Amino acid sequence: MNHKHNADVKKRAIHRIKIIQGHLKKVEQMLTEDEYCVDIVHQSRAVQSALKKLDLLIIEDHLNTCVIDQIKTGEEDKTTEELLRLFEYK
């Protein structure tokens, strides 16, 4: 399925990806420099938190666009399957 993302959402998502990349590089640097383990874990958690925020941003965009379009065109089953798969309930 081809979807053109909302320009603002796309810009925000790319910004978050750059933040994630920075955090991840920092984790690598900290490991290379044998920094304190707990400090490395804190930096790793920052990566995980940033990834969760990215996921939520993309899911919100999906709900506001694709899901609405699918429901309007009678594709409720597809929407349900996608969302359940996304949240690993199925």
N, C-alpha and C. Protein backbone atom coordinates (compact mmCIF):
# COMPACT_ATOMS: atom_id res chain seq x y z
N MET A 1 0.85 -1.18 0.00
CA MET A 1 0.00 0.00 0.00
C MET A 1 0.89 1.24 0.00
N ASN A 2 0.61 2.13 -0.89
CA ASN A 2 1.37 3.37 -0.98
C ASN A 2 0.62 4.46 -0.23
N HIS A 3 1.33 5.14 0.65
CA HIS A 3 0.69 6.17 1.47
C HIS A 3 1.60 7.38 1.52
N LYS A 4 1.05 8.53 1.22
CA LYS A 4 1.82 9.76 1.34
C LYS A 4 1.59 10.31 2.74
N HIS A 5 2.65 10.38 3.51
CA HIS A 5 2.55 10.83 4.89
C HIS A 5 2.30 12.34 4.96
N ASN A 6 1.56 12.73 5.97
CA ASN A 6 1.34 14.14 6.27
C ASN A 6 2.71 14.81 6.38
N ALA A 7 2.90 15.94 5.74
CA ALA A 7 4.21 16.60 5.69
C ALA A 7 4.75 16.93 7.08
N ASP A 8 3.87 17.39 7.97
CA ASP A 8 4.30 17.72 9.33
C ASP A 8 4.71 16.46 10.09
N VAL A 9 3.93 15.40 9.95
CA VAL A 9 4.23 14.13 10.62
C VAL A 9 5.56 13.59 10.10
N LYS A 10 5.74 13.65 8.80
CA LYS A 10 6.97 13.16 8.18
C LYS A 10 8.18 13.93 8.73
N LYS A 11 8.06 15.24 8.79
CA LYS A 11 9.14 16.08 9.30
C LYS A 11 9.46 15.73 10.76
N ARG A 12 8.40 15.57 11.57
CA ARG A 12 8.60 15.23 12.98
C ARG A 12 9.20 13.84 13.14
N ALA A 13 8.77 12.89 12.31
CA ALA A 13 9.30 11.53 12.38
C ALA A 13 10.78 11.51 12.02
N ILE A 14 11.15 12.20 10.98
CA ILE A 14 12.55 12.25 10.58
C ILE A 14 13.39 12.91 11.66
N HIS A 15 12.86 13.95 12.30
CA HIS A 15 13.56 14.60 13.41
C HIS A 15 13.80 13.60 14.55
N ARG A 16 12.76 12.82 14.87
CA ARG A 16 12.90 11.81 15.94
C ARG A 16 13.94 10.76 15.56
N ILE A 17 13.97 10.36 14.30
CA ILE A 17 14.95 9.38 13.85
C ILE A 17 16.36 9.91 14.05
N LYS A 18 16.56 11.17 13.77
CA LYS A 18 17.89 11.77 13.97
C LYS A 18 18.27 11.77 15.45
N ILE A 19 17.30 12.03 16.31
CA ILE A 19 17.55 11.98 17.76
C ILE A 19 17.92 10.56 18.15
N ILE A 20 17.19 9.59 17.64
CA ILE A 20 17.47 8.18 17.94
C ILE A 20 18.87 7.81 17.49
N GLN A 21 19.24 8.22 16.30
CA GLN A 21 20.58 7.93 15.78
C GLN A 21 21.65 8.53 16.70
N GLY A 22 21.41 9.73 17.19
CA GLY A 22 22.36 10.36 18.10
C GLY A 22 22.50 9.58 19.40
N HIS A 23 21.37 9.16 19.96
CA HIS A 23 21.40 8.35 21.18
C HIS A 23 22.13 7.04 20.95
N LEU A 24 21.86 6.41 19.81
CA LEU A 24 22.47 5.13 19.50
C LEU A 24 23.98 5.26 19.31
N LYS A 25 24.40 6.31 18.65
CA LYS A 25 25.85 6.57 18.49
C LYS A 25 26.49 6.76 19.86
N LYS A 26 25.79 7.43 20.75
CA LYS A 26 26.31 7.66 22.10
C LYS A 26 26.47 6.33 22.84
N VAL A 27 25.50 5.42 22.68
CA VAL A 27 25.61 4.10 23.31
C VAL A 27 26.87 3.39 22.80
N GLU A 28 27.06 3.42 21.49
CA GLU A 28 28.24 2.79 20.90
C GLU A 28 29.53 3.42 21.44
N GLN A 29 29.56 4.74 21.52
CA GLN A 29 30.73 5.44 22.03
C GLN A 29 31.00 5.07 23.49
N MET A 30 29.95 5.02 24.27
CA MET A 30 30.10 4.69 25.69
C MET A 30 30.64 3.28 25.87
N LEU A 31 30.15 2.35 25.05
CA LEU A 31 30.66 0.98 25.11
C LEU A 31 32.13 0.93 24.71
N THR A 32 32.46 1.62 23.63
CA THR A 32 33.84 1.66 23.14
C THR A 32 34.78 2.22 24.20
N GLU A 33 34.31 3.22 24.93
CA GLU A 33 35.14 3.89 25.93
C GLU A 33 35.01 3.26 27.32
N ASP A 34 34.36 2.09 27.39
CA ASP A 34 34.21 1.36 28.65
C ASP A 34 33.62 2.22 29.77
N GLU A 35 32.59 2.97 29.43
CA GLU A 35 31.94 3.79 30.45
C GLU A 35 31.11 2.92 31.38
N TYR A 36 30.66 3.50 32.44
CA TYR A 36 29.93 2.81 33.49
C TYR A 36 28.65 2.18 32.94
N CYS A 37 28.43 0.92 33.27
CA CYS A 37 27.33 0.13 32.71
C CYS A 37 25.97 0.79 32.90
N VAL A 38 25.70 1.27 34.09
CA VAL A 38 24.40 1.87 34.37
C VAL A 38 24.18 3.11 33.50
N ASP A 39 25.21 3.86 33.26
CA ASP A 39 25.10 5.03 32.39
C ASP A 39 24.78 4.60 30.96
N ILE A 40 25.36 3.51 30.53
CA ILE A 40 25.08 2.99 29.17
C ILE A 40 23.62 2.55 29.07
N VAL A 41 23.14 1.88 30.11
CA VAL A 41 21.74 1.44 30.11
C VAL A 41 20.80 2.64 30.07
N HIS A 42 21.11 3.69 30.79
CA HIS A 42 20.28 4.90 30.75
C HIS A 42 20.23 5.46 29.32
N GLN A 43 21.36 5.47 28.65
CA GLN A 43 21.39 5.96 27.27
C GLN A 43 20.61 5.03 26.35
N SER A 44 20.73 3.73 26.58
CA SER A 44 19.97 2.75 25.79
C SER A 44 18.47 2.94 25.99
N ARG A 45 18.07 3.22 27.19
CA ARG A 45 16.65 3.46 27.46
C ARG A 45 16.15 4.72 26.77
N ALA A 46 17.03 5.69 26.61
CA ALA A 46 16.66 6.90 25.88
C ALA A 46 16.35 6.53 24.42
N VAL A 47 17.13 5.60 23.86
CA VAL A 47 16.87 5.12 22.50
C VAL A 47 15.50 4.45 22.44
N GLN A 48 15.24 3.58 23.39
CA GLN A 48 13.97 2.85 23.42
C GLN A 48 12.78 3.81 23.58
N SER A 49 12.93 4.79 24.42
CA SER A 49 11.87 5.77 24.63
C SER A 49 11.62 6.57 23.35
N ALA A 50 12.69 6.96 22.70
CA ALA A 50 12.55 7.72 21.45
C ALA A 50 11.89 6.87 20.37
N LEU A 51 12.21 5.58 20.32
CA LEU A 51 11.58 4.68 19.35
C LEU A 51 10.08 4.54 19.63
N LYS A 52 9.71 4.45 20.90
CA LYS A 52 8.29 4.37 21.25
C LYS A 52 7.55 5.62 20.81
N LYS A 53 8.18 6.79 21.00
CA LYS A 53 7.55 8.04 20.57
C LYS A 53 7.40 8.08 19.06
N LEU A 54 8.39 7.57 18.34
CA LEU A 54 8.31 7.50 16.89
C LEU A 54 7.16 6.59 16.47
N ASP A 55 7.07 5.43 17.09
CA ASP A 55 5.98 4.50 16.79
C ASP A 55 4.62 5.16 17.00
N LEU A 56 4.46 5.84 18.11
CA LEU A 56 3.17 6.49 18.41
C LEU A 56 2.83 7.56 17.37
N LEU A 57 3.83 8.30 16.95
CA LEU A 57 3.61 9.33 15.94
C LEU A 57 3.14 8.70 14.63
N ILE A 58 3.78 7.61 14.23
CA ILE A 58 3.42 6.94 12.98
C ILE A 58 2.04 6.28 13.10
N ILE A 59 1.77 5.67 14.24
CA ILE A 59 0.46 5.04 14.45
C ILE A 59 -0.64 6.10 14.42
N GLU A 60 -0.39 7.23 15.04
CA GLU A 60 -1.39 8.31 15.03
C GLU A 60 -1.68 8.75 13.60
N ASP A 61 -0.65 8.90 12.80
CA ASP A 61 -0.82 9.27 11.40
C ASP A 61 -1.62 8.20 10.66
N HIS A 62 -1.31 6.95 10.94
CA HIS A 62 -2.03 5.84 10.30
C HIS A 62 -3.51 5.87 10.67
N LEU A 63 -3.80 6.08 11.93
CA LEU A 63 -5.19 6.13 12.37
C LEU A 63 -5.95 7.29 11.72
N ASN A 64 -5.27 8.42 11.60
CA ASN A 64 -5.92 9.62 11.05
C ASN A 64 -6.05 9.60 9.53
N THR A 65 -5.37 8.69 8.87
CA THR A 65 -5.41 8.66 7.41
C THR A 65 -5.86 7.30 6.89
N CYS A 66 -4.98 6.34 6.92
CA CYS A 66 -5.25 5.02 6.33
C CYS A 66 -6.47 4.35 6.93
N VAL A 67 -6.56 4.34 8.25
CA VAL A 67 -7.67 3.65 8.90
C VAL A 67 -9.00 4.29 8.51
N ILE A 68 -9.06 5.59 8.51
CA ILE A 68 -10.29 6.28 8.12
C ILE A 68 -10.65 5.94 6.68
N ASP A 69 -9.65 5.96 5.79
CA ASP A 69 -9.90 5.62 4.39
C ASP A 69 -10.38 4.18 4.24
N GLN A 70 -9.77 3.26 4.98
CA GLN A 70 -10.15 1.85 4.89
C GLN A 70 -11.59 1.65 5.38
N ILE A 71 -11.96 2.30 6.44
CA ILE A 71 -13.32 2.17 6.96
C ILE A 71 -14.33 2.76 5.97
N LYS A 72 -14.00 3.90 5.39
CA LYS A 72 -14.90 4.53 4.41
C LYS A 72 -15.09 3.66 3.18
N THR A 73 -14.09 2.84 2.85
CA THR A 73 -14.19 1.99 1.65
C THR A 73 -14.59 0.56 1.98
N GLY A 74 -15.05 0.35 3.22
CA GLY A 74 -15.56 -0.97 3.59
C GLY A 74 -14.50 -2.00 3.91
N GLU A 75 -13.30 -1.56 4.24
CA GLU A 75 -12.21 -2.49 4.54
C GLU A 75 -11.96 -2.62 6.05
N GLU A 76 -13.05 -2.69 6.82
CA GLU A 76 -12.93 -2.76 8.28
C GLU A 76 -12.13 -3.98 8.73
N ASP A 77 -12.34 -5.12 8.04
CA ASP A 77 -11.62 -6.34 8.43
C ASP A 77 -10.10 -6.16 8.27
N LYS A 78 -9.71 -5.51 7.20
CA LYS A 78 -8.28 -5.25 6.97
C LYS A 78 -7.73 -4.38 8.09
N THR A 79 -8.48 -3.34 8.45
CA THR A 79 -8.06 -2.43 9.51
C THR A 79 -7.91 -3.19 10.83
N THR A 80 -8.90 -4.01 11.15
CA THR A 80 -8.86 -4.79 12.39
C THR A 80 -7.65 -5.71 12.41
N GLU A 81 -7.43 -6.42 11.32
CA GLU A 81 -6.28 -7.34 11.24
C GLU A 81 -4.96 -6.59 11.42
N GLU A 82 -4.82 -5.47 10.73
CA GLU A 82 -3.59 -4.68 10.83
C GLU A 82 -3.34 -4.22 12.26
N LEU A 83 -4.36 -3.68 12.88
CA LEU A 83 -4.19 -3.15 14.23
C LEU A 83 -3.92 -4.25 15.24
N LEU A 84 -4.59 -5.37 15.10
CA LEU A 84 -4.31 -6.50 16.01
C LEU A 84 -2.89 -7.01 15.81
N ARG A 85 -2.49 -7.13 14.57
CA ARG A 85 -1.11 -7.57 14.27
C ARG A 85 -0.10 -6.57 14.81
N LEU A 86 -0.41 -5.31 14.68
CA LEU A 86 0.47 -4.25 15.15
C LEU A 86 0.70 -4.36 16.66
N PHE A 87 -0.35 -4.68 17.36
CA PHE A 87 -0.25 -4.80 18.81
C PHE A 87 -0.04 -6.24 19.28
N GLU A 88 0.19 -7.13 18.35
CA GLU A 88 0.53 -8.53 18.59
C GLU A 88 -0.49 -9.26 19.44
N TYR A 89 -1.76 -8.96 19.20
CA TYR A 89 -2.82 -9.68 19.88
C TYR A 89 -3.25 -10.90 19.08
N LYS A 90 -2.81 -10.94 17.84
CA LYS A 90 -3.25 -12.01 16.96
C LYS A 90 -2.06 -12.77 16.44
